[in-house]
Every structure is written in C-alpha cells, then in structure tokens.
Amino acid sequence: VQSVLKPDEDRLRLPLADMATLVLTI
C-alpha cells in the first residue's frame, strides 16, 4: 500500500506509513 501511495508522498498530510495503516484499517 505504501508503494502505491509513494509517488504522492509529498502531497499527503500524514506520513506514508500512517496513511497506509489508515487505508488498510478502513
């Protein structure tokens, strides 16, 4: 999941690892 989001890492409000956790949790 992190690798799918990585190209836009600089646009995310949360760190990449946290974003991946959020997506997977939901």
PDB file of all heavy atoms in Angstrom:
ATOM      1  N   VAL A   1       0.841  -1.199   0.000  1.00  0.00           N
ATOM      2  CA  VAL A   1       0.000   0.000   0.000  1.00  0.00           C
ATOM      3  C   VAL A   1       0.877   1.251   0.000  1.00  0.00           C
ATOM      4  O   VAL A   1       0.608   2.208  -0.738  1.00  0.00           O
ATOM      5  CB  VAL A   1      -0.965  -0.007   1.212  1.00  0.00           C
ATOM      6  CG1 VAL A   1      -1.678   1.333   1.357  1.00  0.00           C
ATOM      7  CG2 VAL A   1      -1.977  -1.139   1.076  1.00  0.00           C
ATOM      8  N   GLN A   2       1.941   1.224   0.778  1.00  0.00           N
ATOM      9  CA  GLN A   2       2.851   2.373   0.799  1.00  0.00           C
ATOM     10  C   GLN A   2       3.442   2.636  -0.591  1.00  0.00           C
ATOM     11  O   GLN A   2       3.559   3.783  -1.013  1.00  0.00           O
ATOM     12  CB  GLN A   2       3.990   2.146   1.798  1.00  0.00           C
ATOM     13  CG  GLN A   2       3.555   2.280   3.240  1.00  0.00           C
ATOM     14  CD  GLN A   2       4.727   2.189   4.186  1.00  0.00           C
ATOM     15  OE1 GLN A   2       5.527   3.108   4.260  1.00  0.00           O
ATOM     16  NE2 GLN A   2       4.828   1.073   4.888  1.00  0.00           N
ATOM     17  N   SER A   3       3.822   1.573  -1.300  1.00  0.00           N
ATOM     18  CA  SER A   3       4.411   1.789  -2.626  1.00  0.00           C
ATOM     19  C   SER A   3       3.403   2.366  -3.614  1.00  0.00           C
ATOM     20  O   SER A   3       3.777   3.142  -4.485  1.00  0.00           O
ATOM     21  CB  SER A   3       5.080   0.559  -3.215  1.00  0.00           C
ATOM     22  OG  SER A   3       4.571  -0.606  -2.795  1.00  0.00           O
ATOM     23  N   VAL A   4       2.131   2.027  -3.458  1.00  0.00           N
ATOM     24  CA  VAL A   4       1.107   2.596  -4.341  1.00  0.00           C
ATOM     25  C   VAL A   4       0.936   4.094  -4.049  1.00  0.00           C
ATOM     26  O   VAL A   4       0.712   4.890  -4.964  1.00  0.00           O
ATOM     27  CB  VAL A   4      -0.239   1.851  -4.177  1.00  0.00           C
ATOM     28  CG1 VAL A   4      -1.365   2.566  -4.908  1.00  0.00           C
ATOM     29  CG2 VAL A   4      -0.120   0.408  -4.670  1.00  0.00           C
ATOM     30  N   LEU A   5       1.070   4.492  -2.798  1.00  0.00           N
ATOM     31  CA  LEU A   5       0.887   5.899  -2.411  1.00  0.00           C
ATOM     32  C   LEU A   5       2.163   6.736  -2.542  1.00  0.00           C
ATOM     33  O   LEU A   5       2.102   7.962  -2.586  1.00  0.00           O
ATOM     34  CB  LEU A   5       0.379   5.967  -0.964  1.00  0.00           C
ATOM     35  CG  LEU A   5      -0.970   5.292  -0.685  1.00  0.00           C
ATOM     36  CD1 LEU A   5      -1.263   5.296   0.808  1.00  0.00           C
ATOM     37  CD2 LEU A   5      -2.086   5.948  -1.466  1.00  0.00           C
ATOM     38  N   LYS A   6       3.308   6.083  -2.618  1.00  0.00           N
ATOM     39  CA  LYS A   6       4.618   6.752  -2.595  1.00  0.00           C
ATOM     40  C   LYS A   6       4.792   7.875  -3.622  1.00  0.00           C
ATOM     41  O   LYS A   6       5.348   8.929  -3.277  1.00  0.00           O
ATOM     42  CB  LYS A   6       5.723   5.706  -2.785  1.00  0.00           C
ATOM     43  CG  LYS A   6       7.125   6.272  -2.759  1.00  0.00           C
ATOM     44  CD  LYS A   6       7.763   5.986  -1.447  1.00  0.00           C
ATOM     45  CE  LYS A   6       9.211   6.438  -1.466  1.00  0.00           C
ATOM     46  NZ  LYS A   6       9.442   7.518  -0.516  1.00  0.00           N
ATOM     47  N   PRO A   7       4.334   7.732  -4.870  1.00  0.00           N
ATOM     48  CA  PRO A   7       4.547   8.821  -5.826  1.00  0.00           C
ATOM     49  C   PRO A   7       3.983  10.174  -5.366  1.00  0.00           C
ATOM     50  O   PRO A   7       4.425  11.212  -5.825  1.00  0.00           O
ATOM     51  CB  PRO A   7       3.851   8.329  -7.096  1.00  0.00           C
ATOM     52  CG  PRO A   7       3.911   6.843  -6.992  1.00  0.00           C
ATOM     53  CD  PRO A   7       3.734   6.563  -5.518  1.00  0.00           C
ATOM     54  N   ASP A   8       3.001  10.160  -4.474  1.00  0.00           N
ATOM     55  CA  ASP A   8       2.390  11.407  -3.989  1.00  0.00           C
ATOM     56  C   ASP A   8       2.668  11.637  -2.507  1.00  0.00           C
ATOM     57  O   ASP A   8       1.928  12.367  -1.845  1.00  0.00           O
ATOM     58  CB  ASP A   8       0.883  11.386  -4.245  1.00  0.00           C
ATOM     59  CG  ASP A   8       0.577  11.547  -5.713  1.00  0.00           C
ATOM     60  OD1 ASP A   8       0.707  12.678  -6.205  1.00  0.00           O
ATOM     61  OD2 ASP A   8       0.253  10.531  -6.361  1.00  0.00           O
ATOM     62  N   GLU A   9       3.734  11.067  -2.019  1.00  0.00           N
ATOM     63  CA  GLU A   9       4.058  11.179  -0.595  1.00  0.00           C
ATOM     64  C   GLU A   9       4.132  12.631  -0.135  1.00  0.00           C
ATOM     65  O   GLU A   9       3.642  12.976   0.945  1.00  0.00           O
ATOM     66  CB  GLU A   9       5.389  10.471  -0.319  1.00  0.00           C
ATOM     67  CG  GLU A   9       5.795  10.477   1.131  1.00  0.00           C
ATOM     68  CD  GLU A   9       7.049   9.650   1.382  1.00  0.00           C
ATOM     69  OE1 GLU A   9       7.774   9.328   0.417  1.00  0.00           O
ATOM     70  OE2 GLU A   9       7.302   9.345   2.557  1.00  0.00           O
ATOM     71  N   ASP A  10       4.683  13.496  -0.957  1.00  0.00           N
ATOM     72  CA  ASP A  10       4.833  14.901  -0.569  1.00  0.00           C
ATOM     73  C   ASP A  10       3.495  15.646  -0.498  1.00  0.00           C
ATOM     74  O   ASP A  10       3.405  16.707   0.101  1.00  0.00           O
ATOM     75  CB  ASP A  10       5.798  15.618  -1.516  1.00  0.00           C
ATOM     76  CG  ASP A  10       5.342  15.582  -2.962  1.00  0.00           C
ATOM     77  OD1 ASP A  10       4.660  14.619  -3.366  1.00  0.00           O
ATOM     78  OD2 ASP A  10       5.682  16.531  -3.696  1.00  0.00           O
ATOM     79  N   ARG A  11       2.440  15.094  -1.075  1.00  0.00           N
ATOM     80  CA  ARG A  11       1.104  15.710  -1.039  1.00  0.00           C
ATOM     81  C   ARG A  11       0.287  15.257   0.159  1.00  0.00           C
ATOM     82  O   ARG A  11      -0.758  15.842   0.457  1.00  0.00           O
ATOM     83  CB  ARG A  11       0.323  15.358  -2.308  1.00  0.00           C
ATOM     84  CG  ARG A  11       0.878  15.977  -3.569  1.00  0.00           C
ATOM     85  CD  ARG A  11       0.098  15.553  -4.797  1.00  0.00           C
ATOM     86  NE  ARG A  11      -1.322  15.887  -4.675  1.00  0.00           N
ATOM     87  CZ  ARG A  11      -2.279  15.278  -5.377  1.00  0.00           C
ATOM     88  NH1 ARG A  11      -1.975  14.325  -6.233  1.00  0.00           N
ATOM     89  NH2 ARG A  11      -3.538  15.626  -5.230  1.00  0.00           N
ATOM     90  N   LEU A  12       0.716  14.205   0.841  1.00  0.00           N
ATOM     91  CA  LEU A  12      -0.069  13.624   1.936  1.00  0.00           C
ATOM     92  C   LEU A  12       0.175  14.373   3.241  1.00  0.00           C
ATOM     93  O   LEU A  12       1.307  14.727   3.561  1.00  0.00           O
ATOM     94  CB  LEU A  12       0.283  12.141   2.095  1.00  0.00           C
ATOM     95  CG  LEU A  12       0.062  11.271   0.854  1.00  0.00           C
ATOM     96  CD1 LEU A  12       0.558   9.857   1.104  1.00  0.00           C
ATOM     97  CD2 LEU A  12      -1.398  11.268   0.445  1.00  0.00           C
ATOM     98  N   ARG A  13      -0.891  14.592   3.985  1.00  0.00           N
ATOM     99  CA  ARG A  13      -0.793  15.249   5.296  1.00  0.00           C
ATOM    100  C   ARG A  13      -0.161  14.356   6.338  1.00  0.00           C
ATOM    101  O   ARG A  13       0.435  14.818   7.288  1.00  0.00           O
ATOM    102  CB  ARG A  13      -2.201  15.607   5.788  1.00  0.00           C
ATOM    103  CG  ARG A  13      -2.540  17.036   5.715  1.00  0.00           C
ATOM    104  CD  ARG A  13      -3.859  17.354   6.369  1.00  0.00           C
ATOM    105  NE  ARG A  13      -4.295  16.342   7.305  1.00  0.00           N
ATOM    106  CZ  ARG A  13      -5.555  16.087   7.585  1.00  0.00           C
ATOM    107  NH1 ARG A  13      -6.499  16.738   6.998  1.00  0.00           N
ATOM    108  NH2 ARG A  13      -5.882  15.164   8.446  1.00  0.00           N
ATOM    109  N   LEU A  14      -0.334  13.047   6.173  1.00  0.00           N
ATOM    110  CA  LEU A  14       0.200  12.079   7.126  1.00  0.00           C
ATOM    111  C   LEU A  14       1.440  11.407   6.545  1.00  0.00           C
ATOM    112  O   LEU A  14       1.563  11.303   5.326  1.00  0.00           O
ATOM    113  CB  LEU A  14      -0.853  10.988   7.414  1.00  0.00           C
ATOM    114  CG  LEU A  14      -2.159  11.431   8.054  1.00  0.00           C
ATOM    115  CD1 LEU A  14      -3.137  10.263   8.103  1.00  0.00           C
ATOM    116  CD2 LEU A  14      -1.909  11.969   9.453  1.00  0.00           C
ATOM    117  N   PRO A  15       2.315  10.916   7.425  1.00  0.00           N
ATOM    118  CA  PRO A  15       3.443  10.122   6.925  1.00  0.00           C
ATOM    119  C   PRO A  15       2.918   8.908   6.138  1.00  0.00           C
ATOM    120  O   PRO A  15       1.828   8.392   6.415  1.00  0.00           O
ATOM    121  CB  PRO A  15       4.175   9.686   8.194  1.00  0.00           C
ATOM    122  CG  PRO A  15       3.745  10.666   9.239  1.00  0.00           C
ATOM    123  CD  PRO A  15       2.352  11.084   8.866  1.00  0.00           C
ATOM    124  N   LEU A  16       3.689   8.472   5.180  1.00  0.00           N
ATOM    125  CA  LEU A  16       3.289   7.385   4.289  1.00  0.00           C
ATOM    126  C   LEU A  16       2.847   6.135   5.049  1.00  0.00           C
ATOM    127  O   LEU A  16       1.818   5.537   4.735  1.00  0.00           O
ATOM    128  CB  LEU A  16       4.456   7.062   3.347  1.00  0.00           C
ATOM    129  CG  LEU A  16       4.163   6.210   2.134  1.00  0.00           C
ATOM    130  CD1 LEU A  16       3.081   6.828   1.271  1.00  0.00           C
ATOM    131  CD2 LEU A  16       5.436   6.024   1.329  1.00  0.00           C
ATOM    132  N   ALA A  17       3.610   5.744   6.059  1.00  0.00           N
ATOM    133  CA  ALA A  17       3.267   4.538   6.841  1.00  0.00           C
ATOM    134  C   ALA A  17       1.930   4.709   7.549  1.00  0.00           C
ATOM    135  O   ALA A  17       1.109   3.782   7.599  1.00  0.00           O
ATOM    136  CB  ALA A  17       4.369   4.224   7.846  1.00  0.00           C
ATOM    137  N   ASP A  18       1.675   5.895   8.093  1.00  0.00           N
ATOM    138  CA  ASP A  18       0.401   6.155   8.779  1.00  0.00           C
ATOM    139  C   ASP A  18      -0.756   6.134   7.781  1.00  0.00           C
ATOM    140  O   ASP A  18      -1.843   5.631   8.074  1.00  0.00           O
ATOM    141  CB  ASP A  18       0.432   7.502   9.492  1.00  0.00           C
ATOM    142  CG  ASP A  18       1.392   7.539  10.666  1.00  0.00           C
ATOM    143  OD1 ASP A  18       1.927   6.469  11.040  1.00  0.00           O
ATOM    144  OD2 ASP A  18       1.621   8.638  11.210  1.00  0.00           O
ATOM    145  N   MET A  19      -0.519   6.692   6.609  1.00  0.00           N
ATOM    146  CA  MET A  19      -1.553   6.707   5.563  1.00  0.00           C
ATOM    147  C   MET A  19      -1.914   5.276   5.157  1.00  0.00           C
ATOM    148  O   MET A  19      -3.092   4.944   5.015  1.00  0.00           O
ATOM    149  CB  MET A  19      -1.043   7.505   4.371  1.00  0.00           C
ATOM    150  CG  MET A  19      -2.089   7.837   3.365  1.00  0.00           C
ATOM    151  SD  MET A  19      -3.279   9.013   4.026  1.00  0.00           S
ATOM    152  CE  MET A  19      -4.384   9.066   2.638  1.00  0.00           C
ATOM    153  N   ALA A  20      -0.910   4.422   4.997  1.00  0.00           N
ATOM    154  CA  ALA A  20      -1.160   3.022   4.636  1.00  0.00           C
ATOM    155  C   ALA A  20      -1.956   2.324   5.736  1.00  0.00           C
ATOM    156  O   ALA A  20      -2.891   1.568   5.450  1.00  0.00           O
ATOM    157  CB  ALA A  20       0.164   2.303   4.377  1.00  0.00           C
ATOM    158  N   THR A  21      -1.604   2.586   6.986  1.00  0.00           N
ATOM    159  CA  THR A  21      -2.336   1.981   8.111  1.00  0.00           C
ATOM    160  C   THR A  21      -3.786   2.434   8.115  1.00  0.00           C
ATOM    161  O   THR A  21      -4.701   1.622   8.301  1.00  0.00           O
ATOM    162  CB  THR A  21      -1.660   2.350   9.455  1.00  0.00           C
ATOM    163  OG1 THR A  21      -0.321   1.857   9.441  1.00  0.00           O
ATOM    164  CG2 THR A  21      -2.414   1.761  10.638  1.00  0.00           C
ATOM    165  N   LEU A  22      -4.013   3.711   7.883  1.00  0.00           N
ATOM    166  CA  LEU A  22      -5.372   4.252   7.844  1.00  0.00           C
ATOM    167  C   LEU A  22      -6.200   3.594   6.748  1.00  0.00           C
ATOM    168  O   LEU A  22      -7.322   3.134   6.994  1.00  0.00           O
ATOM    169  CB  LEU A  22      -5.312   5.767   7.618  1.00  0.00           C
ATOM    170  CG  LEU A  22      -6.643   6.482   7.427  1.00  0.00           C
ATOM    171  CD1 LEU A  22      -7.380   6.569   8.748  1.00  0.00           C
ATOM    172  CD2 LEU A  22      -6.425   7.866   6.848  1.00  0.00           C
ATOM    173  N   VAL A  23      -5.643   3.528   5.557  1.00  0.00           N
ATOM    174  CA  VAL A  23      -6.360   2.915   4.431  1.00  0.00           C
ATOM    175  C   VAL A  23      -6.696   1.459   4.742  1.00  0.00           C
ATOM    176  O   VAL A  23      -7.838   1.021   4.573  1.00  0.00           O
ATOM    177  CB  VAL A  23      -5.530   3.017   3.124  1.00  0.00           C
ATOM    178  CG1 VAL A  23      -6.141   2.173   2.020  1.00  0.00           C
ATOM    179  CG2 VAL A  23      -5.399   4.464   2.683  1.00  0.00           C
ATOM    180  N   LEU A  24      -5.712   0.705   5.212  1.00  0.00           N
ATOM    181  CA  LEU A  24      -5.949  -0.719   5.499  1.00  0.00           C
ATOM    182  C   LEU A  24      -6.958  -0.913   6.621  1.00  0.00           C
ATOM    183  O   LEU A  24      -7.803  -1.809   6.552  1.00  0.00           O
ATOM    184  CB  LEU A  24      -4.633  -1.416   5.827  1.00  0.00           C
ATOM    185  CG  LEU A  24      -3.712  -1.632   4.630  1.00  0.00           C
ATOM    186  CD1 LEU A  24      -2.358  -2.172   5.078  1.00  0.00           C
ATOM    187  CD2 LEU A  24      -4.347  -2.560   3.616  1.00  0.00           C
ATOM    188  N   THR A  25      -6.898  -0.093   7.645  1.00  0.00           N
ATOM    189  CA  THR A  25      -7.834  -0.217   8.763  1.00  0.00           C
ATOM    190  C   THR A  25      -9.264  -0.047   8.284  1.00  0.00           C
ATOM    191  O   THR A  25     -10.147  -0.846   8.613  1.00  0.00           O
ATOM    192  CB  THR A  25      -7.505   0.824   9.845  1.00  0.00           C
ATOM    193  OG1 THR A  25      -6.175   0.587  10.328  1.00  0.00           O
ATOM    194  CG2 THR A  25      -8.480   0.735  11.010  1.00  0.00           C
ATOM    195  N   ILE A  26      -9.495   0.972   7.480  1.00  0.00           N
ATOM    196  CA  ILE A  26     -10.856   1.244   6.996  1.00  0.00           C
ATOM    197  C   ILE A  26     -11.322   0.159   6.024  1.00  0.00           C
ATOM    198  O   ILE A  26     -12.411  -0.394   6.161  1.00  0.00           O
ATOM    199  CB  ILE A  26     -10.923   2.629   6.317  1.00  0.00           C
ATOM    200  CG1 ILE A  26     -10.698   3.727   7.349  1.00  0.00           C
ATOM    201  CG2 ILE A  26     -12.256   2.821   5.601  1.00  0.00           C
ATOM    202  CD1 ILE A  26     -10.480   5.107   6.755  1.00  0.00           C
TER     203      ILE A  26
END
